[in-house]
N, C-alpha and C. Protein backbone atom coordinates (compact mmCIF):
# COMPACT_ATOMS: atom_id res chain seq x y z
N MET A 1 25.87 50.90 -175.07
CA MET A 1 24.47 51.18 -174.82
C MET A 1 23.85 49.96 -174.16
N ALA A 2 23.37 50.12 -172.97
CA ALA A 2 22.90 48.98 -172.19
C ALA A 2 21.38 48.94 -172.10
N SER A 3 20.70 49.09 -173.23
CA SER A 3 19.24 48.99 -173.20
C SER A 3 18.83 47.59 -173.62
N THR A 4 17.84 47.05 -172.96
CA THR A 4 17.37 45.71 -173.30
C THR A 4 15.97 45.83 -173.89
N PHE A 5 15.72 45.05 -174.91
CA PHE A 5 14.43 45.06 -175.57
C PHE A 5 13.68 43.78 -175.22
N ARG A 6 12.38 43.91 -175.19
CA ARG A 6 11.56 42.74 -174.89
C ARG A 6 11.57 41.77 -176.07
N PHE A 7 11.54 42.32 -177.28
CA PHE A 7 11.52 41.50 -178.48
C PHE A 7 12.89 41.50 -179.15
N HIS A 8 13.32 40.31 -179.57
CA HIS A 8 14.59 40.16 -180.27
C HIS A 8 14.32 39.63 -181.67
N GLN A 9 15.19 39.98 -182.60
CA GLN A 9 15.03 39.51 -183.98
C GLN A 9 15.81 38.21 -184.14
N TYR A 10 15.13 37.19 -184.63
CA TYR A 10 15.76 35.88 -184.84
C TYR A 10 15.66 35.49 -186.31
N GLN A 11 16.69 34.78 -186.76
CA GLN A 11 16.65 34.18 -188.09
C GLN A 11 16.51 32.68 -187.89
N VAL A 12 15.41 32.13 -188.38
CA VAL A 12 15.15 30.70 -188.22
C VAL A 12 15.18 30.06 -189.60
N VAL A 13 15.96 28.98 -189.72
CA VAL A 13 16.08 28.24 -190.98
C VAL A 13 15.59 26.82 -190.73
N GLY A 14 14.66 26.37 -191.57
CA GLY A 14 14.10 25.03 -191.39
C GLY A 14 13.63 24.44 -192.70
N ARG A 15 13.23 23.20 -192.64
CA ARG A 15 12.75 22.50 -193.84
C ARG A 15 11.89 21.31 -193.43
N ALA A 16 11.26 20.69 -194.42
CA ALA A 16 10.50 19.46 -194.18
C ALA A 16 11.49 18.31 -194.07
N ASN A 17 11.09 17.25 -193.39
CA ASN A 17 11.95 16.06 -193.29
C ASN A 17 12.16 15.45 -194.67
N PRO A 18 13.38 14.95 -194.96
CA PRO A 18 13.61 14.31 -196.26
C PRO A 18 12.75 13.05 -196.42
N LYS A 19 12.12 12.92 -197.60
CA LYS A 19 11.28 11.75 -197.89
C LYS A 19 11.93 10.95 -199.01
N SER A 20 11.36 9.80 -199.30
CA SER A 20 11.93 8.96 -200.35
C SER A 20 11.79 9.60 -201.73
N GLU A 21 10.66 10.31 -201.96
CA GLU A 21 10.47 10.94 -203.28
C GLU A 21 11.20 12.28 -203.40
N GLU A 22 11.55 12.88 -202.26
CA GLU A 22 12.26 14.17 -202.29
C GLU A 22 13.41 14.10 -201.28
N ASP A 23 14.62 13.83 -201.80
CA ASP A 23 15.78 13.67 -200.92
C ASP A 23 16.23 14.98 -200.29
N VAL A 24 16.21 16.05 -201.07
CA VAL A 24 16.65 17.36 -200.57
C VAL A 24 15.46 18.31 -200.60
N PRO A 25 14.73 18.43 -199.49
CA PRO A 25 13.58 19.34 -199.47
C PRO A 25 14.02 20.81 -199.47
N LYS A 26 13.11 21.66 -199.87
CA LYS A 26 13.40 23.09 -199.95
C LYS A 26 13.63 23.66 -198.55
N VAL A 27 14.63 24.55 -198.43
CA VAL A 27 14.97 25.17 -197.15
C VAL A 27 14.30 26.54 -197.09
N TYR A 28 13.69 26.84 -195.95
CA TYR A 28 12.99 28.11 -195.75
C TYR A 28 13.67 28.90 -194.64
N ARG A 29 13.80 30.21 -194.86
CA ARG A 29 14.43 31.09 -193.88
C ARG A 29 13.47 32.23 -193.56
N MET A 30 13.30 32.51 -192.27
CA MET A 30 12.43 33.61 -191.84
C MET A 30 13.14 34.44 -190.80
N LYS A 31 12.89 35.75 -190.86
CA LYS A 31 13.35 36.65 -189.80
C LYS A 31 12.11 37.06 -189.02
N LEU A 32 12.12 36.76 -187.73
CA LEU A 32 10.95 37.08 -186.91
C LEU A 32 11.34 37.66 -185.57
N TRP A 33 10.37 38.34 -184.95
CA TRP A 33 10.58 38.94 -183.63
C TRP A 33 9.88 38.10 -182.59
N SER A 34 10.61 37.84 -181.52
CA SER A 34 10.06 37.05 -180.43
C SER A 34 10.81 37.37 -179.15
N THR A 35 10.24 36.94 -178.02
CA THR A 35 10.88 37.18 -176.73
C THR A 35 12.04 36.21 -176.49
N ASP A 36 11.96 35.00 -177.05
CA ASP A 36 13.05 34.04 -176.90
C ASP A 36 13.06 33.07 -178.08
N GLU A 37 14.06 32.18 -178.11
CA GLU A 37 14.24 31.26 -179.23
C GLU A 37 13.09 30.26 -179.37
N VAL A 38 12.57 29.80 -178.27
CA VAL A 38 11.49 28.80 -178.30
C VAL A 38 10.25 29.37 -178.98
N ARG A 39 9.91 30.61 -178.64
CA ARG A 39 8.75 31.25 -179.26
C ARG A 39 9.02 31.60 -180.72
N ALA A 40 10.27 31.89 -181.05
CA ALA A 40 10.63 32.16 -182.45
C ALA A 40 10.43 30.91 -183.30
N LYS A 41 10.83 29.76 -182.77
CA LYS A 41 10.62 28.49 -183.48
C LYS A 41 9.14 28.20 -183.66
N SER A 42 8.37 28.46 -182.61
CA SER A 42 6.93 28.23 -182.67
C SER A 42 6.28 29.11 -183.74
N LYS A 43 6.71 30.36 -183.79
CA LYS A 43 6.18 31.29 -184.79
C LYS A 43 6.60 30.86 -186.20
N PHE A 44 7.81 30.35 -186.35
CA PHE A 44 8.31 29.85 -187.64
C PHE A 44 7.41 28.74 -188.15
N TRP A 45 7.10 27.76 -187.29
CA TRP A 45 6.24 26.65 -187.71
C TRP A 45 4.81 27.12 -187.98
N TYR A 46 4.36 28.12 -187.25
CA TYR A 46 3.02 28.68 -187.47
C TYR A 46 2.91 29.24 -188.89
N PHE A 47 3.91 30.06 -189.28
CA PHE A 47 3.88 30.67 -190.61
C PHE A 47 4.15 29.65 -191.71
N LEU A 48 5.06 28.71 -191.47
CA LEU A 48 5.38 27.71 -192.49
C LEU A 48 4.18 26.79 -192.75
N ARG A 49 3.43 26.48 -191.70
CA ARG A 49 2.23 25.66 -191.85
C ARG A 49 1.19 26.39 -192.71
N LYS A 50 1.08 27.70 -192.50
CA LYS A 50 0.10 28.48 -193.27
C LYS A 50 0.54 28.70 -194.72
N LEU A 51 1.84 28.93 -194.92
CA LEU A 51 2.33 29.29 -196.24
C LEU A 51 2.68 28.09 -197.13
N LYS A 52 3.35 27.08 -196.57
CA LYS A 52 3.92 26.02 -197.39
C LYS A 52 3.48 24.61 -197.03
N LYS A 53 2.50 24.44 -196.18
CA LYS A 53 1.98 23.12 -195.80
C LYS A 53 3.06 22.20 -195.21
N VAL A 54 3.92 22.78 -194.38
CA VAL A 54 4.95 21.99 -193.69
C VAL A 54 4.67 22.09 -192.20
N LYS A 55 4.46 20.94 -191.55
CA LYS A 55 4.15 20.94 -190.12
C LYS A 55 5.40 20.64 -189.30
N LYS A 56 5.34 21.01 -188.03
CA LYS A 56 6.47 20.79 -187.12
C LYS A 56 6.77 19.30 -186.96
N SER A 57 5.72 18.48 -186.94
CA SER A 57 5.91 17.03 -186.74
C SER A 57 6.62 16.38 -187.93
N HIS A 58 6.58 17.02 -189.11
CA HIS A 58 7.24 16.49 -190.30
C HIS A 58 8.32 17.44 -190.80
N GLY A 59 8.95 18.17 -189.88
CA GLY A 59 9.97 19.12 -190.28
C GLY A 59 11.11 19.19 -189.29
N GLN A 60 12.13 19.95 -189.65
CA GLN A 60 13.28 20.12 -188.77
C GLN A 60 13.83 21.54 -188.86
N ILE A 61 14.33 22.03 -187.73
CA ILE A 61 14.98 23.34 -187.68
C ILE A 61 16.46 23.12 -187.96
N LEU A 62 16.99 23.81 -188.95
CA LEU A 62 18.41 23.68 -189.29
C LEU A 62 19.27 24.62 -188.45
N SER A 63 18.81 25.84 -188.27
CA SER A 63 19.57 26.78 -187.43
C SER A 63 18.65 27.89 -186.93
N ILE A 64 19.04 28.46 -185.80
CA ILE A 64 18.34 29.62 -185.26
C ILE A 64 19.40 30.51 -184.60
N ASN A 65 19.41 31.78 -185.00
CA ASN A 65 20.36 32.71 -184.39
C ASN A 65 19.77 34.10 -184.31
N GLU A 66 20.22 34.84 -183.31
CA GLU A 66 19.72 36.19 -183.09
C GLU A 66 20.47 37.17 -183.99
N ILE A 67 19.73 38.13 -184.54
CA ILE A 67 20.32 39.15 -185.41
C ILE A 67 20.49 40.42 -184.61
N PHE A 68 21.71 40.98 -184.66
CA PHE A 68 22.01 42.21 -183.94
C PHE A 68 22.22 43.35 -184.92
N GLU A 69 22.00 44.57 -184.45
CA GLU A 69 22.14 45.78 -185.26
C GLU A 69 23.62 46.05 -185.54
N LYS A 70 23.95 46.49 -186.78
CA LYS A 70 25.35 46.79 -187.11
C LYS A 70 25.82 48.06 -186.43
N LYS A 71 24.97 49.09 -186.44
CA LYS A 71 25.32 50.36 -185.80
C LYS A 71 24.21 50.74 -184.81
N PRO A 72 24.31 50.26 -183.58
CA PRO A 72 23.24 50.53 -182.62
C PRO A 72 23.32 51.90 -181.94
N THR A 73 24.17 52.79 -182.45
CA THR A 73 24.29 54.12 -181.84
C THR A 73 23.82 55.24 -182.75
N THR A 74 23.61 54.96 -184.04
CA THR A 74 23.14 56.01 -184.96
C THR A 74 21.63 55.90 -185.13
N ILE A 75 20.99 57.05 -185.16
CA ILE A 75 19.53 57.07 -185.27
C ILE A 75 19.12 56.88 -186.73
N LYS A 76 18.07 56.10 -186.95
CA LYS A 76 17.61 55.79 -188.30
C LYS A 76 16.09 55.86 -188.36
N ASN A 77 15.57 55.97 -189.57
CA ASN A 77 14.12 55.93 -189.80
C ASN A 77 13.78 54.52 -190.30
N PHE A 78 12.83 53.89 -189.66
CA PHE A 78 12.44 52.53 -190.03
C PHE A 78 11.01 52.53 -190.55
N GLY A 79 10.78 51.80 -191.63
CA GLY A 79 9.45 51.58 -192.17
C GLY A 79 9.04 50.15 -191.88
N LEU A 80 7.82 49.96 -191.38
CA LEU A 80 7.33 48.62 -191.05
C LEU A 80 6.02 48.38 -191.78
N TRP A 81 5.98 47.32 -192.56
CA TRP A 81 4.74 46.91 -193.23
C TRP A 81 4.17 45.76 -192.41
N ILE A 82 2.97 45.94 -191.91
CA ILE A 82 2.39 44.93 -191.03
C ILE A 82 0.98 44.55 -191.47
N ARG A 83 0.55 43.41 -190.98
CA ARG A 83 -0.81 42.92 -191.20
C ARG A 83 -1.33 42.53 -189.84
N HIS A 84 -2.51 43.03 -189.48
CA HIS A 84 -3.03 42.69 -188.16
C HIS A 84 -4.49 42.30 -188.22
N GLN A 85 -4.85 41.48 -187.26
CA GLN A 85 -6.22 40.99 -187.16
C GLN A 85 -6.97 41.81 -186.12
N SER A 86 -8.12 42.34 -186.52
CA SER A 86 -8.96 43.07 -185.57
C SER A 86 -10.31 42.35 -185.46
N ARG A 87 -11.23 42.98 -184.77
CA ARG A 87 -12.56 42.37 -184.61
C ARG A 87 -13.32 42.32 -185.93
N SER A 88 -12.94 43.21 -186.87
CA SER A 88 -13.66 43.28 -188.14
C SER A 88 -12.94 42.59 -189.30
N GLY A 89 -11.77 42.02 -189.06
CA GLY A 89 -11.05 41.33 -190.13
C GLY A 89 -9.56 41.63 -190.11
N TYR A 90 -8.91 41.44 -191.27
CA TYR A 90 -7.48 41.68 -191.39
C TYR A 90 -7.23 43.03 -192.05
N HIS A 91 -6.19 43.72 -191.60
CA HIS A 91 -5.86 45.04 -192.14
C HIS A 91 -4.36 45.12 -192.42
N ASN A 92 -4.01 45.77 -193.53
CA ASN A 92 -2.61 46.03 -193.85
C ASN A 92 -2.27 47.44 -193.40
N MET A 93 -1.07 47.64 -192.90
CA MET A 93 -0.65 48.96 -192.42
C MET A 93 0.80 49.21 -192.76
N TYR A 94 1.13 50.49 -192.89
CA TYR A 94 2.52 50.92 -193.02
C TYR A 94 2.79 51.89 -191.89
N LYS A 95 3.84 51.64 -191.12
CA LYS A 95 4.19 52.49 -189.98
C LYS A 95 5.63 52.95 -190.12
N GLU A 96 5.90 54.15 -189.62
CA GLU A 96 7.27 54.69 -189.61
C GLU A 96 7.66 55.03 -188.18
N TYR A 97 8.88 54.66 -187.84
CA TYR A 97 9.40 54.96 -186.50
C TYR A 97 10.84 55.44 -186.62
N ARG A 98 11.23 56.25 -185.66
CA ARG A 98 12.59 56.78 -185.60
C ARG A 98 13.24 56.20 -184.35
N ASP A 99 14.29 55.42 -184.55
CA ASP A 99 14.94 54.75 -183.42
C ASP A 99 16.39 54.42 -183.79
N VAL A 100 17.15 53.95 -182.80
CA VAL A 100 18.54 53.57 -183.06
C VAL A 100 18.65 52.12 -183.52
N THR A 101 17.70 51.27 -183.16
CA THR A 101 17.72 49.88 -183.60
C THR A 101 16.35 49.47 -184.13
N LEU A 102 16.37 48.44 -184.96
CA LEU A 102 15.12 47.91 -185.51
C LEU A 102 14.29 47.27 -184.40
N ASN A 103 14.95 46.66 -183.42
CA ASN A 103 14.22 46.08 -182.28
C ASN A 103 13.47 47.15 -181.51
N GLY A 104 14.07 48.33 -181.37
CA GLY A 104 13.41 49.45 -180.70
C GLY A 104 12.20 49.93 -181.47
N ALA A 105 12.32 49.97 -182.81
CA ALA A 105 11.20 50.39 -183.66
C ALA A 105 10.05 49.38 -183.58
N VAL A 106 10.39 48.10 -183.56
CA VAL A 106 9.37 47.04 -183.45
C VAL A 106 8.69 47.12 -182.09
N GLU A 107 9.47 47.38 -181.06
CA GLU A 107 8.92 47.55 -179.71
C GLU A 107 7.92 48.71 -179.68
N GLN A 108 8.28 49.83 -180.33
CA GLN A 108 7.38 50.99 -180.42
C GLN A 108 6.10 50.62 -181.14
N MET A 109 6.25 49.84 -182.23
CA MET A 109 5.09 49.45 -183.03
C MET A 109 4.12 48.59 -182.22
N TYR A 110 4.65 47.59 -181.50
CA TYR A 110 3.79 46.74 -180.68
C TYR A 110 3.08 47.55 -179.61
N SER A 111 3.79 48.49 -179.01
CA SER A 111 3.21 49.33 -177.96
C SER A 111 2.10 50.22 -178.53
N GLU A 112 2.37 50.82 -179.71
CA GLU A 112 1.38 51.71 -180.33
C GLU A 112 0.14 50.94 -180.79
N MET A 113 0.35 49.76 -181.37
CA MET A 113 -0.78 48.96 -181.84
C MET A 113 -1.65 48.50 -180.67
N ALA A 114 -1.03 48.20 -179.55
CA ALA A 114 -1.80 47.79 -178.37
C ALA A 114 -2.59 48.96 -177.80
N SER A 115 -1.99 50.15 -177.81
CA SER A 115 -2.68 51.30 -177.21
C SER A 115 -3.73 51.91 -178.13
N ARG A 116 -3.39 52.09 -179.40
CA ARG A 116 -4.33 52.76 -180.32
C ARG A 116 -5.39 51.85 -180.90
N HIS A 117 -5.00 50.61 -181.19
CA HIS A 117 -5.92 49.71 -181.90
C HIS A 117 -6.35 48.49 -181.08
N ARG A 118 -5.82 48.36 -179.85
CA ARG A 118 -6.12 47.22 -178.98
C ARG A 118 -5.78 45.89 -179.65
N VAL A 119 -4.68 45.89 -180.41
CA VAL A 119 -4.23 44.69 -181.10
C VAL A 119 -3.07 44.10 -180.32
N ARG A 120 -3.17 42.84 -179.95
CA ARG A 120 -2.14 42.18 -179.16
C ARG A 120 -1.02 41.64 -180.06
N PHE A 121 0.07 41.24 -179.43
CA PHE A 121 1.27 40.76 -180.12
C PHE A 121 0.96 39.59 -181.06
N SER A 122 0.14 38.66 -180.60
CA SER A 122 -0.14 37.45 -181.38
C SER A 122 -0.94 37.73 -182.65
N CYS A 123 -1.64 38.87 -182.70
CA CYS A 123 -2.48 39.19 -183.86
C CYS A 123 -1.75 40.04 -184.90
N ILE A 124 -0.47 40.35 -184.67
CA ILE A 124 0.30 41.20 -185.58
C ILE A 124 1.31 40.35 -186.34
N GLN A 125 1.35 40.53 -187.66
CA GLN A 125 2.34 39.85 -188.50
C GLN A 125 3.17 40.92 -189.20
N ILE A 126 4.47 40.89 -188.99
CA ILE A 126 5.37 41.85 -189.64
C ILE A 126 5.74 41.28 -191.00
N ILE A 127 5.32 41.96 -192.06
CA ILE A 127 5.57 41.48 -193.41
C ILE A 127 6.97 41.88 -193.88
N LYS A 128 7.32 43.15 -193.66
CA LYS A 128 8.59 43.66 -194.18
C LYS A 128 9.07 44.81 -193.31
N THR A 129 10.38 44.96 -193.19
CA THR A 129 10.97 46.11 -192.50
C THR A 129 12.07 46.68 -193.39
N ALA A 130 12.28 47.99 -193.28
CA ALA A 130 13.33 48.63 -194.07
C ALA A 130 13.81 49.89 -193.38
N THR A 131 15.09 50.20 -193.60
CA THR A 131 15.64 51.48 -193.16
C THR A 131 15.35 52.47 -194.27
N ILE A 132 14.69 53.57 -193.93
CA ILE A 132 14.18 54.50 -194.94
C ILE A 132 15.02 55.78 -194.94
N PRO A 133 15.45 56.26 -196.11
CA PRO A 133 16.14 57.55 -196.15
C PRO A 133 15.18 58.70 -195.85
N VAL A 134 15.74 59.84 -195.50
CA VAL A 134 14.94 61.01 -195.10
C VAL A 134 13.99 61.44 -196.21
N SER A 135 14.43 61.35 -197.46
CA SER A 135 13.61 61.81 -198.59
C SER A 135 12.34 60.98 -198.80
N LEU A 136 12.34 59.72 -198.34
CA LEU A 136 11.18 58.85 -198.56
C LEU A 136 10.26 58.74 -197.36
N CYS A 137 10.56 59.44 -196.27
CA CYS A 137 9.69 59.39 -195.08
C CYS A 137 8.38 60.11 -195.37
N LYS A 138 7.26 59.50 -194.96
CA LYS A 138 5.93 60.04 -195.24
C LYS A 138 5.23 60.58 -194.01
N ARG A 139 5.41 59.94 -192.88
CA ARG A 139 4.65 60.28 -191.68
C ARG A 139 5.21 61.51 -190.98
N VAL A 140 4.29 62.37 -190.52
CA VAL A 140 4.66 63.62 -189.84
C VAL A 140 5.41 63.34 -188.54
N SER A 141 5.05 62.24 -187.89
CA SER A 141 5.70 61.91 -186.61
C SER A 141 7.20 61.64 -186.76
N THR A 142 7.65 61.25 -187.95
CA THR A 142 9.09 61.07 -188.17
C THR A 142 9.72 62.27 -188.87
N THR A 143 8.99 62.91 -189.79
CA THR A 143 9.58 64.04 -190.53
C THR A 143 9.78 65.28 -189.67
N GLN A 144 9.05 65.40 -188.57
CA GLN A 144 9.20 66.58 -187.72
C GLN A 144 10.58 66.64 -187.05
N PHE A 145 11.26 65.51 -186.96
CA PHE A 145 12.59 65.47 -186.35
C PHE A 145 13.73 65.61 -187.36
N HIS A 146 13.41 65.80 -188.64
CA HIS A 146 14.46 65.92 -189.65
C HIS A 146 15.04 67.32 -189.76
N ASP A 147 14.43 68.30 -189.11
CA ASP A 147 14.92 69.67 -189.12
C ASP A 147 16.21 69.75 -188.31
N SER A 148 17.27 70.32 -188.91
CA SER A 148 18.55 70.40 -188.21
C SER A 148 18.54 71.46 -187.10
N LYS A 149 17.63 72.43 -187.19
CA LYS A 149 17.56 73.49 -186.19
C LYS A 149 16.34 73.31 -185.27
N ILE A 150 16.03 72.07 -184.96
CA ILE A 150 14.87 71.78 -184.13
C ILE A 150 15.12 72.27 -182.70
N LYS A 151 14.07 72.83 -182.10
CA LYS A 151 14.16 73.32 -180.72
C LYS A 151 13.02 72.72 -179.91
N PHE A 152 13.32 72.38 -178.68
CA PHE A 152 12.31 71.84 -177.79
C PHE A 152 12.03 72.86 -176.69
N PRO A 153 10.77 73.15 -176.41
CA PRO A 153 10.46 74.16 -175.38
C PRO A 153 10.80 73.66 -173.98
N LEU A 154 11.27 74.58 -173.15
CA LEU A 154 11.55 74.28 -171.76
C LEU A 154 10.30 74.63 -170.97
N THR A 155 9.48 73.63 -170.68
CA THR A 155 8.15 73.90 -170.11
C THR A 155 8.16 74.07 -168.60
N TYR A 156 9.16 73.55 -167.93
CA TYR A 156 9.16 73.60 -166.47
C TYR A 156 10.56 74.00 -166.01
N ARG A 157 10.71 75.25 -165.61
CA ARG A 157 12.01 75.74 -165.17
C ARG A 157 12.00 75.99 -163.67
N LEU A 158 12.88 75.34 -162.98
CA LEU A 158 13.01 75.52 -161.54
C LEU A 158 14.41 76.08 -161.27
N ILE A 159 14.47 77.31 -160.82
CA ILE A 159 15.75 77.96 -160.60
C ILE A 159 16.36 77.43 -159.30
N ARG A 160 17.55 76.89 -159.42
CA ARG A 160 18.25 76.31 -158.28
C ARG A 160 19.15 77.35 -157.62
N PRO A 161 19.39 77.23 -156.33
CA PRO A 161 20.32 78.17 -155.68
C PRO A 161 21.74 77.99 -156.21
N SER A 162 22.45 79.10 -156.34
CA SER A 162 23.79 79.06 -156.92
C SER A 162 24.82 78.43 -155.98
N SER A 163 24.57 78.52 -154.68
CA SER A 163 25.50 77.90 -153.73
C SER A 163 24.71 77.25 -152.59
N ARG A 164 25.39 76.41 -151.85
CA ARG A 164 24.75 75.69 -150.74
C ARG A 164 24.31 76.66 -149.64
N LYS A 165 25.00 77.77 -149.52
CA LYS A 165 24.71 78.77 -148.49
C LYS A 165 23.33 79.40 -148.70
N LEU A 166 22.91 79.52 -149.97
CA LEU A 166 21.62 80.15 -150.29
C LEU A 166 20.44 79.17 -150.24
N LYS A 167 20.73 77.89 -150.04
CA LYS A 167 19.67 76.88 -149.99
C LYS A 167 18.99 76.91 -148.63
N THR A 168 17.65 76.97 -148.64
CA THR A 168 16.90 76.94 -147.39
C THR A 168 15.83 75.87 -147.45
N THR A 169 15.40 75.41 -146.31
CA THR A 169 14.37 74.38 -146.26
C THR A 169 13.00 74.97 -146.56
N TYR A 170 12.72 76.14 -145.99
CA TYR A 170 11.42 76.78 -146.18
C TYR A 170 11.60 78.11 -146.89
N LYS A 171 10.74 78.37 -147.88
CA LYS A 171 10.79 79.62 -148.64
C LYS A 171 9.65 80.52 -148.20
N ALA A 172 9.85 81.82 -148.38
CA ALA A 172 8.81 82.79 -148.02
C ALA A 172 7.68 82.77 -149.04
N LYS A 173 8.00 82.49 -150.30
CA LYS A 173 6.96 82.41 -151.34
C LYS A 173 7.22 81.24 -152.27
N ARG A 174 6.16 80.83 -152.96
CA ARG A 174 6.26 79.71 -153.88
C ARG A 174 7.15 80.08 -155.07
N PRO A 175 7.87 79.10 -155.63
CA PRO A 175 8.71 79.42 -156.80
C PRO A 175 7.86 79.58 -158.06
N THR A 176 8.29 80.45 -158.96
CA THR A 176 7.63 80.63 -160.25
C THR A 176 8.31 79.68 -161.24
N THR A 177 7.59 78.66 -161.68
CA THR A 177 8.21 77.64 -162.54
C THR A 177 7.86 77.81 -164.02
N PHE A 178 6.83 78.59 -164.33
CA PHE A 178 6.47 78.75 -165.74
C PHE A 178 7.31 79.86 -166.37
N ILE A 179 7.40 79.84 -167.69
CA ILE A 179 8.24 80.80 -168.40
C ILE A 179 7.40 81.97 -168.87
């Protein structure tokens, strides 16, 4: 599958610099979405500064690596718990998406939040993600695809000529495309 996503999932591990009073500082690990490693590191320090009072100038990154999907060909239901900043304050949300990869679901979420709520990438914080079984799905947009006998209407039918001999450049009447 040769699809490329704008956002990639990174695991960033870092800690504060060792001091004389604390030889082995606590190690922190975060999974975040970003376009590249540099922005993932920046986001890591942003959250660590807010959560644990550790700044980039007094800290170090131990490792950073991209996380890939184990089965990128099977379709799954993903639940995303997010927090976003709007003009009126902060809001918590739960979103469900159906996709083959978590990166695809996150991409859908960013696109939907930008279109429906006018919330940009920088104002969205992903709190938690999970693969959800069919029985626990809540949103109609995902449960409508769980039917095994689902049918999609053929809204535009254009009858093609059966052989090259019957193909003409100009027709005597317009084709009937509706069903």
